[in-house]
Structures are given as C-alpha cells and as structure tokens.
Amino acid sequence: DIYWIAGGKPKAGGITGLTEYFPRIRKAYLIGEAAAEFSGTLGAHVPHEMSGTLEVAISSAARDAEVSGLSEAVVLLSPACASFDQYRNFEIRGNAFRDIVQALPGVKPVV
C-alpha cells in the first residue's frame, strides 16, 4: 500500500525496470523533469498525478494515505531520479522531504 513520490532529473532507462512492482503502488505523485516520461510509463497501470513539486506531492500523498483507511499506508520518496532539477543535491532533497513531512498536522518526529 504505497503512495509513491517519484521524479526529478531523469536517469537513463527511467522506471521501466520497476514494472513488476507497480501492483504494490496505490498511487504515484510525479515531480520534476521526469514527470511526463514517468506518466507515460505508468499509463493506466498505476493511478498517478502530476504534482510538479515535492511539497505538492507530499501534501497530496499524505491526504490520500490518510483517507484511504489503510492501517499501514506508506508515503515513499523514492525518486528514481537525480535531484538536480529542483535541488542542489539529494541530501537537500531528503532534508526538504523530512521538513515538509514533519510540518504536516499531527505528525510527530521520531526521536
């Protein structure tokens, strides 16, 4: 039950090598330069939306996970891309993900 945030600056091969995992994805939230390419690959196999930015993707994925009623829904940032289209490096993107998630209502940091 994965709500997948993917995208950024595309790498060679895209996400075609991940098709066997598509059935595990409830919905994908596509960001960055790779969004259109990934949308084409996901097609009708995986529900998805063009979120554009990490902040929009997190907000949408968190909302969908919460209303799903699933006891263990997972919002996963696994971009399958480089970060350079929106961030200077992957560490900054990861820190942004953490900060945005921790700012969501009801989220408490794990210490």
Protein backbone atom coordinates (compact mmCIF):
# COMPACT_ATOMS: atom_id res chain seq x y z
CA ASP A 1 0.00 0.00 0.00
CA ILE A 2 2.48 2.56 -1.25
CA TYR A 3 1.88 6.20 -2.14
CA TRP A 4 4.98 6.81 -4.24
CA ILE A 5 6.66 10.16 -4.84
CA ALA A 6 8.91 9.87 -7.89
CA GLY A 7 10.68 12.13 -10.32
CA GLY A 8 13.38 14.70 -10.71
CA LYS A 9 16.07 14.85 -13.38
CA PRO A 10 15.60 11.58 -15.31
CA LYS A 11 18.26 8.89 -15.48
CA ALA A 12 18.76 6.52 -18.42
CA GLY A 13 16.17 3.77 -18.50
CA GLY A 14 13.55 5.61 -16.50
CA ILE A 15 11.28 3.38 -14.42
CA THR A 16 10.60 0.62 -16.95
CA GLY A 17 12.67 -1.79 -14.84
CA LEU A 18 10.23 -1.32 -11.94
CA THR A 19 7.08 -2.57 -13.68
CA GLU A 20 6.92 -5.75 -11.58
CA TYR A 21 6.39 -3.53 -8.52
CA PHE A 22 3.59 -1.43 -10.00
CA PRO A 23 0.83 -3.58 -8.40
CA ARG A 24 2.10 -2.53 -4.95
CA ILE A 25 1.61 1.16 -5.70
CA ARG A 26 -1.75 2.68 -4.75
CA LYS A 27 -0.89 5.97 -6.44
CA ALA A 28 2.18 7.82 -7.74
CA TYR A 29 2.90 11.54 -7.36
CA LEU A 30 5.20 12.73 -10.12
CA ILE A 31 7.59 15.65 -9.77
CA GLY A 32 10.28 17.41 -11.76
CA GLU A 33 11.54 16.94 -15.30
CA ALA A 34 10.78 13.20 -15.37
CA ALA A 35 7.08 13.59 -14.57
CA ALA A 36 5.82 13.36 -18.16
CA GLU A 37 8.07 10.42 -19.02
CA PHE A 38 7.07 8.56 -15.86
CA SER A 39 3.39 9.28 -16.52
CA GLY A 40 3.75 7.62 -19.91
CA THR A 41 5.37 4.55 -18.36
CA LEU A 42 2.79 4.25 -15.58
CA GLY A 43 -0.04 4.77 -18.06
CA ALA A 44 -3.21 3.02 -16.96
CA HIS A 45 -1.26 0.57 -14.78
CA VAL A 46 -0.84 2.90 -11.80
CA PRO A 47 -3.07 5.83 -10.82
CA HIS A 48 -0.90 8.93 -10.77
CA GLU A 49 -0.93 12.69 -10.72
CA MET A 50 1.41 15.36 -11.94
CA SER A 51 2.34 17.06 -8.67
CA GLY A 52 5.23 19.14 -10.02
CA THR A 53 6.95 19.87 -6.73
CA LEU A 54 7.91 17.83 -3.69
CA GLU A 55 5.75 19.95 -1.41
CA VAL A 56 2.62 19.38 -3.51
CA ALA A 57 3.40 15.66 -3.84
CA ILE A 58 3.80 15.21 -0.08
CA SER A 59 0.59 17.08 0.67
CA SER A 60 -1.38 15.02 -1.86
CA ALA A 61 0.15 11.69 -0.88
CA ALA A 62 -0.39 12.32 2.85
CA ARG A 63 -4.01 13.30 2.21
CA ASP A 64 -4.67 10.21 0.08
CA ALA A 65 -2.95 7.88 2.57
CA GLU A 66 -4.97 9.32 5.43
CA VAL A 67 -8.35 8.98 3.73
CA SER A 68 -7.54 5.51 2.39
CA GLY A 69 -8.46 3.87 5.69
CA LEU A 70 -5.42 1.62 5.41
CA SER A 71 -3.76 0.88 8.74
CA GLU A 72 -0.24 0.88 7.30
CA ALA A 73 -0.25 3.15 4.27
CA VAL A 74 3.25 4.26 3.29
CA VAL A 75 4.24 7.56 1.69
CA LEU A 76 7.53 6.77 -0.01
CA LEU A 77 10.04 9.19 -1.50
CA SER A 78 11.96 7.01 -3.92
CA PRO A 79 12.52 9.35 -6.83
CA ALA A 80 14.36 7.07 -9.29
CA CYS A 81 15.99 10.30 -10.47
CA ALA A 82 18.70 12.78 -9.70
CA SER A 83 17.67 15.81 -7.67
CA PHE A 84 19.42 18.46 -9.75
CA ASP A 85 16.32 19.84 -11.49
CA GLN A 86 14.93 21.21 -8.21
CA TYR A 87 17.66 20.79 -5.55
CA ARG A 88 21.45 21.15 -5.44
CA ASN A 89 21.84 17.54 -4.26
CA PHE A 90 19.97 14.51 -2.93
CA GLU A 91 20.75 15.38 0.69
CA ILE A 92 18.98 18.72 0.39
CA ARG A 93 16.01 16.99 -1.26
CA GLY A 94 15.92 14.43 1.56
CA ASN A 95 16.07 17.16 4.19
CA ALA A 96 13.26 19.01 2.43
CA PHE A 97 11.16 15.82 2.45
CA ARG A 98 11.71 15.37 6.18
CA ASP A 99 10.96 19.02 6.97
CA ILE A 100 7.76 19.09 4.90
CA VAL A 101 6.52 15.82 6.42
CA GLN A 102 7.26 16.97 9.96
CA ALA A 103 5.31 20.17 9.32
CA LEU A 104 2.15 18.22 8.44
CA PRO A 105 -0.61 18.41 11.06
CA GLY A 106 -0.49 15.52 13.52
CA VAL A 107 3.00 14.34 12.58
CA LYS A 108 5.42 13.91 15.43
CA PRO A 109 9.13 13.39 14.82
CA VAL A 110 10.61 10.04 15.83
CA VAL A 111 13.46 10.63 18.25
